[in-house]
PDB file of N, CA and C in Angstrom:
ATOM      1  N   MET A   1       0.845  -1.189   0.000  1.00  0.00           N
ATOM      2  CA  MET A   1       0.000   0.000   0.000  1.00  0.00           C
ATOM      3  C   MET A   1       0.881   1.240   0.000  1.00  0.00           C
ATOM      4  N   ASN A   2       0.480   2.241  -0.756  1.00  0.00           N
ATOM      5  CA  ASN A   2       1.228   3.488  -0.853  1.00  0.00           C
ATOM      6  C   ASN A   2       0.341   4.634  -0.358  1.00  0.00           C
ATOM      7  N   ALA A   3       0.494   5.004   0.908  1.00  0.00           N
ATOM      8  CA  ALA A   3      -0.333   6.060   1.490  1.00  0.00           C
ATOM      9  C   ALA A   3      -0.104   7.402   0.804  1.00  0.00           C
ATOM     10  N   MET A   4       1.096   7.638   0.307  1.00  0.00           N
ATOM     11  CA  MET A   4       1.392   8.898  -0.390  1.00  0.00           C
ATOM     12  C   MET A   4       0.570   9.011  -1.673  1.00  0.00           C
ATOM     13  N   ARG A   5       0.221   7.892  -2.255  1.00  0.00           N
ATOM     14  CA  ARG A   5      -0.587   7.859  -3.471  1.00  0.00           C
ATOM     15  C   ARG A   5      -2.083   7.925  -3.147  1.00  0.00           C
ATOM     16  N   GLY A   6      -2.420   7.777  -1.870  1.00  0.00           N
ATOM     17  CA  GLY A   6      -3.819   7.804  -1.459  1.00  0.00           C
ATOM     18  C   GLY A   6      -4.466   6.433  -1.424  1.00  0.00           C
ATOM     19  N   GLU A   7      -3.659   5.390  -1.444  1.00  0.00           N
ATOM     20  CA  GLU A   7      -4.204   4.038  -1.384  1.00  0.00           C
ATOM     21  C   GLU A   7      -4.688   3.717   0.029  1.00  0.00           C
ATOM     22  N   VAL A   8      -5.756   2.952   0.110  1.00  0.00           N
ATOM     23  CA  VAL A   8      -6.255   2.453   1.394  1.00  0.00           C
ATOM     24  C   VAL A   8      -6.507   0.959   1.268  1.00  0.00           C
ATOM     25  N   ARG A   9      -6.373   0.259   2.388  1.00  0.00           N
ATOM     26  CA  ARG A   9      -6.693  -1.165   2.440  1.00  0.00           C
ATOM     27  C   ARG A   9      -8.007  -1.304   3.197  1.00  0.00           C
ATOM     28  N   VAL A  10      -8.934  -2.042   2.609  1.00  0.00           N
ATOM     29  CA  VAL A  10     -10.241  -2.269   3.216  1.00  0.00           C
ATOM     30  C   VAL A  10     -10.584  -3.748   3.111  1.00  0.00           C
ATOM     31  N   GLU A  11     -11.470  -4.179   3.970  1.00  0.00           N
ATOM     32  CA  GLU A  11     -11.935  -5.562   3.950  1.00  0.00           C
ATOM     33  C   GLU A  11     -13.187  -5.637   3.079  1.00  0.00           C
ATOM     34  N   LEU A  12     -13.090  -6.393   1.980  1.00  0.00           N
ATOM     35  CA  LEU A  12     -14.225  -6.594   1.075  1.00  0.00           C
ATOM     36  C   LEU A  12     -14.231  -8.037   0.603  1.00  0.00           C
ATOM     37  N   VAL A  13     -15.379  -8.630   0.568  1.00  0.00           N
ATOM     38  CA  VAL A  13     -15.559  -9.993   0.073  1.00  0.00           C
ATOM     39  C   VAL A  13     -14.570 -10.944   0.757  1.00  0.00           C
ATOM     40  N   GLY A  14     -14.382 -10.740   2.055  1.00  0.00           N
ATOM     41  CA  GLY A  14     -13.569 -11.638   2.843  1.00  0.00           C
ATOM     42  C   GLY A  14     -12.062 -11.497   2.702  1.00  0.00           C
ATOM     43  N   GLN A  15     -11.603 -10.451   2.023  1.00  0.00           N
ATOM     44  CA  GLN A  15     -10.164 -10.253   1.849  1.00  0.00           C
ATOM     45  C   GLN A  15      -9.817  -8.778   1.974  1.00  0.00           C
ATOM     46  N   SER A  16      -8.561  -8.517   2.283  1.00  0.00           N
ATOM     47  CA  SER A  16      -8.068  -7.152   2.314  1.00  0.00           C
ATOM     48  C   SER A  16      -7.829  -6.701   0.883  1.00  0.00           C
ATOM     49  N   ARG A  17      -8.387  -5.564   0.516  1.00  0.00           N
ATOM     50  CA  ARG A  17      -8.301  -5.052  -0.861  1.00  0.00           C
ATOM     51  C   ARG A  17      -7.731  -3.640  -0.860  1.00  0.00           C
ATOM     52  N   THR A  18      -7.099  -3.261  -1.963  1.00  0.00           N
ATOM     53  CA  THR A  18      -6.554  -1.912  -2.117  1.00  0.00           C
ATOM     54  C   THR A  18      -7.478  -1.086  -2.995  1.00  0.00           C
ATOM     55  N   LEU A  19      -7.812   0.115  -2.528  1.00  0.00           N
ATOM     56  CA  LEU A  19      -8.590   1.079  -3.301  1.00  0.00           C
ATOM     57  C   LEU A  19      -7.761   2.339  -3.457  1.00  0.00           C
ATOM     58  N   CYS A  20      -7.924   3.018  -4.591  1.00  0.00           N
ATOM     59  CA  CYS A  20      -7.202   4.268  -4.804  1.00  0.00           C
ATOM     60  C   CYS A  20      -7.995   5.161  -5.759  1.00  0.00           C
ATOM     61  N   LEU A  21      -8.131   6.420  -5.361  1.00  0.00           N
ATOM     62  CA  LEU A  21      -8.808   7.411  -6.191  1.00  0.00           C
ATOM     63  C   LEU A  21      -7.785   8.001  -7.150  1.00  0.00           C
ATOM     64  N   THR A  22      -7.790   7.504  -8.372  1.00  0.00           N
ATOM     65  CA  THR A  22      -6.879   7.977  -9.415  1.00  0.00           C
ATOM     66  C   THR A  22      -7.661   8.803 -10.427  1.00  0.00           C
ATOM     67  N   LEU A  23      -6.939   9.458 -11.317  1.00  0.00           N
ATOM     68  CA  LEU A  23      -7.597  10.199 -12.394  1.00  0.00           C
ATOM     69  C   LEU A  23      -8.415   9.251 -13.266  1.00  0.00           C
ATOM     70  N   GLY A  24      -7.855   8.077 -13.519  1.00  0.00           N
ATOM     71  CA  GLY A  24      -8.592   7.067 -14.287  1.00  0.00           C
ATOM     72  C   GLY A  24      -9.860   6.634 -13.580  1.00  0.00           C
ATOM     73  N   ALA A  25      -9.779   6.476 -12.249  1.00  0.00           N
ATOM     74  CA  ALA A  25     -10.964   6.095 -11.476  1.00  0.00           C
ATOM     75  C   ALA A  25     -12.037   7.174 -11.573  1.00  0.00           C
ATOM     76  N   LEU A  26     -11.624   8.435 -11.475  1.00  0.00           N
ATOM     77  CA  LEU A  26     -12.588   9.533 -11.608  1.00  0.00           C
ATOM     78  C   LEU A  26     -13.250   9.513 -12.983  1.00  0.00           C
ATOM     79  N   ALA A  27     -12.462   9.284 -14.027  1.00  0.00           N
ATOM     80  CA  ALA A  27     -13.011   9.223 -15.390  1.00  0.00           C
ATOM     81  C   ALA A  27     -13.992   8.060 -15.525  1.00  0.00           C
ATOM     82  N   GLN A  28     -13.663   6.913 -14.930  1.00  0.00           N
ATOM     83  CA  GLN A  28     -14.566   5.765 -14.968  1.00  0.00           C
ATOM     84  C   GLN A  28     -15.867   6.059 -14.232  1.00  0.00           C
ATOM     85  N   MET A  29     -15.772   6.773 -13.118  1.00  0.00           N
ATOM     86  CA  MET A  29     -16.974   7.143 -12.367  1.00  0.00           C
ATOM     87  C   MET A  29     -17.859   8.059 -13.197  1.00  0.00           C
ATOM     88  N   GLU A  30     -17.257   9.084 -13.809  1.00  0.00           N
ATOM     89  CA  GLU A  30     -18.031   9.999 -14.651  1.00  0.00           C
ATOM     90  C   GLU A  30     -18.744   9.232 -15.758  1.00  0.00           C
ATOM     91  N   ALA A  31     -18.005   8.373 -16.451  1.00  0.00           N
ATOM     92  CA  ALA A  31     -18.588   7.608 -17.559  1.00  0.00           C
ATOM     93  C   ALA A  31     -19.669   6.655 -17.059  1.00  0.00           C
ATOM     94  N   GLY A  32     -19.377   5.944 -15.990  1.00  0.00           N
ATOM     95  CA  GLY A  32     -20.321   4.961 -15.461  1.00  0.00           C
ATOM     96  C   GLY A  32     -21.588   5.566 -14.894  1.00  0.00           C
ATOM     97  N   LEU A  33     -21.478   6.790 -14.385  1.00  0.00           N
ATOM     98  CA  LEU A  33     -22.643   7.462 -13.809  1.00  0.00           C
ATOM     99  C   LEU A  33     -23.309   8.420 -14.793  1.00  0.00           C
ATOM    100  N   GLY A  34     -22.704   8.558 -15.966  1.00  0.00           N
ATOM    101  CA  GLY A  34     -23.302   9.400 -16.998  1.00  0.00           C
ATOM    102  C   GLY A  34     -23.280  10.878 -16.674  1.00  0.00           C
ATOM    103  N   VAL A  35     -22.199  11.328 -16.017  1.00  0.00           N
ATOM    104  CA  VAL A  35     -22.065  12.742 -15.687  1.00  0.00           C
ATOM    105  C   VAL A  35     -20.791  13.277 -16.310  1.00  0.00           C
ATOM    106  N   ARG A  36     -20.699  14.599 -16.336  1.00  0.00           N
ATOM    107  CA  ARG A  36     -19.510  15.231 -16.889  1.00  0.00           C
ATOM    108  C   ARG A  36     -19.041  16.317 -15.930  1.00  0.00           C
ATOM    109  N   GLY A  37     -17.835  16.152 -15.423  1.00  0.00           N
ATOM    110  CA  GLY A  37     -17.257  17.151 -14.535  1.00  0.00           C
ATOM    111  C   GLY A  37     -17.380  16.772 -13.073  1.00  0.00           C
ATOM    112  N   MET A  38     -16.470  17.350 -12.302  1.00  0.00           N
ATOM    113  CA  MET A  38     -16.404  17.031 -10.880  1.00  0.00           C
ATOM    114  C   MET A  38     -17.640  17.503 -10.108  1.00  0.00           C
ATOM    115  N   ALA A  39     -18.176  18.663 -10.462  1.00  0.00           N
ATOM    116  CA  ALA A  39     -19.362  19.162  -9.758  1.00  0.00           C
ATOM    117  C   ALA A  39     -20.547  18.223  -9.974  1.00  0.00           C
ATOM    118  N   ALA A  40     -20.727  17.770 -11.208  1.00  0.00           N
ATOM    119  CA  ALA A  40     -21.825  16.855 -11.511  1.00  0.00           C
ATOM    120  C   ALA A  40     -21.608  15.504 -10.830  1.00  0.00           C
ATOM    121  N   LEU A  41     -20.346  15.068 -10.765  1.00  0.00           N
ATOM    122  CA  LEU A  41     -20.040  13.810 -10.087  1.00  0.00           C
ATOM    123  C   LEU A  41     -20.360  13.913  -8.598  1.00  0.00           C
ATOM    124  N   ALA A  42     -19.948  14.995  -7.970  1.00  0.00           N
ATOM    125  CA  ALA A  42     -20.214  15.199  -6.545  1.00  0.00           C
ATOM    126  C   ALA A  42     -21.719  15.246  -6.272  1.00  0.00           C
ATOM    127  N   GLU A  43     -22.454  15.919  -7.139  1.00  0.00           N
ATOM    128  CA  GLU A  43     -23.918  16.016  -6.976  1.00  0.00           C
ATOM    129  C   GLU A  43     -24.562  14.642  -7.080  1.00  0.00           C
ATOM    130  N   ARG A  44     -24.118  13.864  -8.059  1.00  0.00           N
ATOM    131  CA  ARG A  44     -24.670  12.522  -8.258  1.00  0.00           C
ATOM    132  C   ARG A  44     -24.330  11.609  -7.081  1.00  0.00           C
ATOM    133  N   MET A  45     -23.114  11.741  -6.561  1.00  0.00           N
ATOM    134  CA  MET A  45     -22.690  10.883  -5.455  1.00  0.00           C
ATOM    135  C   MET A  45     -23.412  11.212  -4.156  1.00  0.00           C
ATOM    136  N   ALA A  46     -23.999  12.384  -4.067  1.00  0.00           N
ATOM    137  CA  ALA A  46     -24.755  12.760  -2.868  1.00  0.00           C
ATOM    138  C   ALA A  46     -26.050  11.961  -2.748  1.00  0.00           C
ATOM    139  N   VAL A  47     -26.521  11.394  -3.847  1.00  0.00           N
ATOM    140  CA  VAL A  47     -27.767  10.618  -3.853  1.00  0.00           C
ATOM    141  C   VAL A  47     -27.565   9.303  -4.613  1.00  0.00           C
ATOM    142  N   MET A  48     -26.540   8.561  -4.242  1.00  0.00           N
ATOM    143  CA  MET A  48     -26.194   7.334  -4.963  1.00  0.00           C
ATOM    144  C   MET A  48     -27.198   6.209  -4.744  1.00  0.00           C
ATOM    145  N   SER A  49     -27.423   5.486  -5.815  1.00  0.00           N
ATOM    146  CA  SER A  49     -28.197   4.246  -5.740  1.00  0.00           C
ATOM    147  C   SER A  49     -27.217   3.096  -5.489  1.00  0.00           C
ATOM    148  N   ALA A  50     -27.739   1.910  -5.301  1.00  0.00           N
ATOM    149  CA  ALA A  50     -26.878   0.738  -5.123  1.00  0.00           C
ATOM    150  C   ALA A  50     -26.026   0.512  -6.373  1.00  0.00           C
ATOM    151  N   GLY A  51     -26.615   0.704  -7.541  1.00  0.00           N
ATOM    152  CA  GLY A  51     -25.871   0.555  -8.784  1.00  0.00           C
ATOM    153  C   GLY A  51     -24.758   1.584  -8.903  1.00  0.00           C
ATOM    154  N   ASP A  52     -25.055   2.810  -8.479  1.00  0.00           N
ATOM    155  CA  ASP A  52     -24.031   3.864  -8.480  1.00  0.00           C
ATOM    156  C   ASP A  52     -22.872   3.481  -7.568  1.00  0.00           C
ATOM    157  N   LEU A  53     -23.198   2.940  -6.400  1.00  0.00           N
ATOM    158  CA  LEU A  53     -22.169   2.532  -5.448  1.00  0.00           C
ATOM    159  C   LEU A  53     -21.260   1.473  -6.063  1.00  0.00           C
ATOM    160  N   LEU A  54     -21.828   0.536  -6.808  1.00  0.00           N
ATOM    161  CA  LEU A  54     -21.017  -0.484  -7.474  1.00  0.00           C
ATOM    162  C   LEU A  54     -20.091   0.125  -8.520  1.00  0.00           C
ATOM    163  N   VAL A  55     -20.577   1.104  -9.276  1.00  0.00           N
ATOM    164  CA  VAL A  55     -19.753   1.784 -10.286  1.00  0.00           C
ATOM    165  C   VAL A  55     -18.566   2.467  -9.618  1.00  0.00           C
ATOM    166  N   VAL A  56     -18.832   3.200  -8.549  1.00  0.00           N
ATOM    167  CA  VAL A  56     -17.782   3.940  -7.839  1.00  0.00           C
ATOM    168  C   VAL A  56     -16.790   2.977  -7.201  1.00  0.00           C
ATOM    169  N   LEU A  57     -17.288   1.950  -6.534  1.00  0.00           N
ATOM    170  CA  LEU A  57     -16.413   0.983  -5.887  1.00  0.00           C
ATOM    171  C   LEU A  57     -15.535   0.270  -6.912  1.00  0.00           C
ATOM    172  N   ALA A  58     -16.101  -0.121  -8.032  1.00  0.00           N
ATOM    173  CA  ALA A  58     -15.318  -0.795  -9.076  1.00  0.00           C
ATOM    174  C   ALA A  58     -14.204   0.108  -9.594  1.00  0.00           C
ATOM    175  N   ALA A  59     -14.499   1.380  -9.795  1.00  0.00           N
ATOM    176  CA  ALA A  59     -13.482   2.324 -10.277  1.00  0.00           C
ATOM    177  C   ALA A  59     -12.355   2.467  -9.262  1.00  0.00           C
ATOM    178  N   LEU A  60     -12.690   2.536  -7.984  1.00  0.00           N
ATOM    179  CA  LEU A  60     -11.675   2.658  -6.930  1.00  0.00           C
ATOM    180  C   LEU A  60     -10.848   1.381  -6.805  1.00  0.00           C
ATOM    181  N   LEU A  61     -11.479   0.241  -6.983  1.00  0.00           N
ATOM    182  CA  LEU A  61     -10.750  -1.028  -6.967  1.00  0.00           C
ATOM    183  C   LEU A  61      -9.762  -1.096  -8.134  1.00  0.00           C
ATOM    184  N   ARG A  62     -10.213  -0.699  -9.328  1.00  0.00           N
ATOM    185  CA  ARG A  62      -9.303  -0.679 -10.482  1.00  0.00           C
ATOM    186  C   ARG A  62      -8.133   0.263 -10.225  1.00  0.00           C
ATOM    187  N   GLY A  63      -8.411   1.413  -9.623  1.00  0.00           N
ATOM    188  CA  GLY A  63      -7.356   2.359  -9.291  1.00  0.00           C
ATOM    189  C   GLY A  63      -6.336   1.768  -8.342  1.00  0.00           C
ATOM    190  N   GLY A  64      -6.771   0.842  -7.501  1.00  0.00           N
ATOM    191  CA  GLY A  64      -5.880   0.183  -6.556  1.00  0.00           C
ATOM    192  C   GLY A  64      -5.271  -1.101  -7.087  1.00  0.00           C
ATOM    193  N   GLY A  65      -5.554  -1.418  -8.347  1.00  0.00           N
ATOM    194  CA  GLY A  65      -4.988  -2.621  -8.955  1.00  0.00           C
ATOM    195  C   GLY A  65      -5.791  -3.887  -8.725  1.00  0.00           C
ATOM    196  N   GLU A  66      -6.978  -3.763  -8.191  1.00  0.00           N
ATOM    197  CA  GLU A  66      -7.843  -4.915  -7.894  1.00  0.00           C
ATOM    198  C   GLU A  66      -8.806  -5.155  -9.058  1.00  0.00           C
ATOM    199  N   VAL A  67      -8.255  -5.323 -10.246  1.00  0.00           N
ATOM    200  CA  VAL A  67      -9.049  -5.398 -11.475  1.00  0.00           C
ATOM    201  C   VAL A  67      -9.976  -6.612 -11.492  1.00  0.00           C
ATOM    202  N   GLU A  68      -9.486  -7.754 -11.047  1.00  0.00           N
ATOM    203  CA  GLU A  68     -10.300  -8.968 -11.094  1.00  0.00           C
ATOM    204  C   GLU A  68     -11.585  -8.817 -10.288  1.00  0.00           C
ATOM    205  N   LEU A  69     -11.480  -8.305  -9.066  1.00  0.00           N
ATOM    206  CA  LEU A  69     -12.687  -8.093  -8.261  1.00  0.00           C
ATOM    207  C   LEU A  69     -13.550  -7.004  -8.881  1.00  0.00           C
ATOM    208  N   ALA A  70     -12.934  -5.927  -9.351  1.00  0.00           N
ATOM    209  CA  ALA A  70     -13.693  -4.834  -9.953  1.00  0.00           C
ATOM    210  C   ALA A  70     -14.527  -5.325 -11.124  1.00  0.00           C
ATOM    211  N   ASP A  71     -13.938  -6.178 -11.958  1.00  0.00           N
ATOM    212  CA  ASP A  71     -14.651  -6.686 -13.134  1.00  0.00           C
ATOM    213  C   ASP A  71     -15.765  -7.666 -12.775  1.00  0.00           C
ATOM    214  N   GLY A  72     -15.659  -8.327 -11.625  1.00  0.00           N
ATOM    215  CA  GLY A  72     -16.674  -9.289 -11.215  1.00  0.00           C
ATOM    216  C   GLY A  72     -17.535  -8.805 -10.068  1.00  0.00           C
ATOM    217  N   LEU A  73     -17.489  -7.519  -9.795  1.00  0.00           N
ATOM    218  CA  LEU A  73     -18.149  -6.956  -8.622  1.00  0.00           C
ATOM    219  C   LEU A  73     -19.658  -7.186  -8.611  1.00  0.00           C
ATOM    220  N   ALA A  74     -20.303  -7.094  -9.758  1.00  0.00           N
ATOM    221  CA  ALA A  74     -21.760  -7.249  -9.804  1.00  0.00           C
ATOM    222  C   ALA A  74     -22.187  -8.639  -9.339  1.00  0.00           C
ATOM    223  N   GLY A  75     -21.349  -9.643  -9.556  1.00  0.00           N
ATOM    224  CA  GLY A  75     -21.686 -11.001  -9.150  1.00  0.00           C
ATOM    225  C   GLY A  75     -21.145 -11.385  -7.787  1.00  0.00           C
ATOM    226  N   ALA A  76     -20.367 -10.505  -7.181  1.00  0.00           N
ATOM    227  CA  ALA A  76     -19.760 -10.801  -5.883  1.00  0.00           C
ATOM    228  C   ALA A  76     -20.735 -10.479  -4.759  1.00  0.00           C
ATOM    229  N   SER A  77     -20.545 -11.135  -3.643  1.00  0.00           N
ATOM    230  CA  SER A  77     -21.376 -10.886  -2.465  1.00  0.00           C
ATOM    231  C   SER A  77     -20.725  -9.793  -1.628  1.00  0.00           C
ATOM    232  N   VAL A  78     -21.043  -8.549  -1.959  1.00  0.00           N
ATOM    233  CA  VAL A  78     -20.453  -7.398  -1.284  1.00  0.00           C
ATOM    234  C   VAL A  78     -21.473  -6.810  -0.320  1.00  0.00           C
ATOM    235  N   ASP A  79     -21.065  -6.670   0.926  1.00  0.00           N
ATOM    236  CA  ASP A  79     -21.907  -6.056   1.942  1.00  0.00           C
ATOM    237  C   ASP A  79     -22.061  -4.564   1.622  1.00  0.00           C
ATOM    238  N   ALA A  80     -23.282  -4.068   1.583  1.00  0.00           N
ATOM    239  CA  ALA A  80     -23.537  -2.670   1.209  1.00  0.00           C
ATOM    240  C   ALA A  80     -22.868  -1.694   2.172  1.00  0.00           C
ATOM    241  N   ARG A  81     -22.919  -1.976   3.446  1.00  0.00           N
ATOM    242  CA  ARG A  81     -22.287  -1.084   4.428  1.00  0.00           C
ATOM    243  C   ARG A  81     -20.776  -1.069   4.249  1.00  0.00           C
ATOM    244  N   ALA A  82     -20.185  -2.235   4.037  1.00  0.00           N
ATOM    245  CA  ALA A  82     -18.736  -2.319   3.818  1.00  0.00           C
ATOM    246  C   ALA A  82     -18.341  -1.570   2.551  1.00  0.00           C
ATOM    247  N   ALA A  83     -19.154  -1.674   1.514  1.00  0.00           N
ATOM    248  CA  ALA A  83     -18.867  -0.972   0.261  1.00  0.00           C
ATOM    249  C   ALA A  83     -18.908   0.540   0.470  1.00  0.00           C
ATOM    250  N   ALA A  84     -19.922   1.026   1.165  1.00  0.00           N
ATOM    251  CA  ALA A  84     -20.046   2.466   1.407  1.00  0.00           C
ATOM    252  C   ALA A  84     -18.885   2.984   2.258  1.00  0.00           C
ATOM    253  N   LEU A  85     -18.519   2.224   3.281  1.00  0.00           N
ATOM    254  CA  LEU A  85     -17.388   2.631   4.128  1.00  0.00           C
ATOM    255  C   LEU A  85     -16.075   2.617   3.343  1.00  0.00           C
ATOM    256  N   ALA A  86     -15.899   1.633   2.464  1.00  0.00           N
ATOM    257  CA  ALA A  86     -14.688   1.550   1.650  1.00  0.00           C
ATOM    258  C   ALA A  86     -14.568   2.759   0.727  1.00  0.00           C
ATOM    259  N   VAL A  87     -15.668   3.141   0.103  1.00  0.00           N
ATOM    260  CA  VAL A  87     -15.670   4.313  -0.779  1.00  0.00           C
ATOM    261  C   VAL A  87     -15.321   5.565   0.021  1.00  0.00           C
ATOM    262  N   ALA A  88     -15.925   5.710   1.183  1.00  0.00           N
ATOM    263  CA  ALA A  88     -15.637   6.872   2.031  1.00  0.00           C
ATOM    264  C   ALA A  88     -14.163   6.918   2.422  1.00  0.00           C
ATOM    265  N   GLU A  89     -13.591   5.775   2.781  1.00  0.00           N
ATOM    266  CA  GLU A  89     -12.171   5.714   3.165  1.00  0.00           C
ATOM    267  C   GLU A  89     -11.271   6.105   2.002  1.00  0.00           C
ATOM    268  N   ALA A  90     -11.613   5.663   0.800  1.00  0.00           N
ATOM    269  CA  ALA A  90     -10.794   5.971  -0.376  1.00  0.00           C
ATOM    270  C   ALA A  90     -10.812   7.476  -0.668  1.00  0.00           C
ATOM    271  N   PHE A  91     -11.972   8.092  -0.566  1.00  0.00           N
ATOM    272  CA  PHE A  91     -12.052   9.536  -0.809  1.00  0.00           C
ATOM    273  C   PHE A  91     -11.338  10.304   0.294  1.00  0.00           C
ATOM    274  N   LYS A  92     -11.457   9.834   1.527  1.00  0.00           N
ATOM    275  CA  LYS A  92     -10.781  10.490   2.656  1.00  0.00           C
ATOM    276  C   LYS A  92      -9.257  10.433   2.474  1.00  0.00           C
ATOM    277  N   ALA A  93      -8.744   9.310   2.008  1.00  0.00           N
ATOM    278  CA  ALA A  93      -7.312   9.134   1.823  1.00  0.00           C
ATOM    279  C   ALA A  93      -6.763  10.001   0.692  1.00  0.00           C
ATOM    280  N   ALA A  94      -7.641  10.416  -0.213  1.00  0.00           N
ATOM    281  CA  ALA A  94      -7.207  11.185  -1.372  1.00  0.00           C
ATOM    282  C   ALA A  94      -6.991  12.670  -1.069  1.00  0.00           C
ATOM    283  N   VAL A  95      -7.446  13.140   0.076  1.00  0.00           N
ATOM    284  CA  VAL A  95      -7.285  14.568   0.395  1.00  0.00           C
ATOM    285  C   VAL A  95      -5.997  14.884   1.077  1.00  0.00           C
TER     286      VAL A  95
END
């Protein structure tokens, strides 16, 4: 884990996983949520659906190098509370 890069380790699907808010992750979030720009992304994230949460979590997982889980996230048994906390931790680490 590289804290200087903003990486965080979280427990998801029974394993410790790395999440990171990268420029690529932000672009994936914008595309996946159908928004353009940081203001629109922030507005959309204020009222996220379960599907939105999966899009954001997958982008953060890819940013952390967890591509296999990110690509199979829709079929994985992910606890909603754990997913929300993981996303919050990743954004907190990025500041």
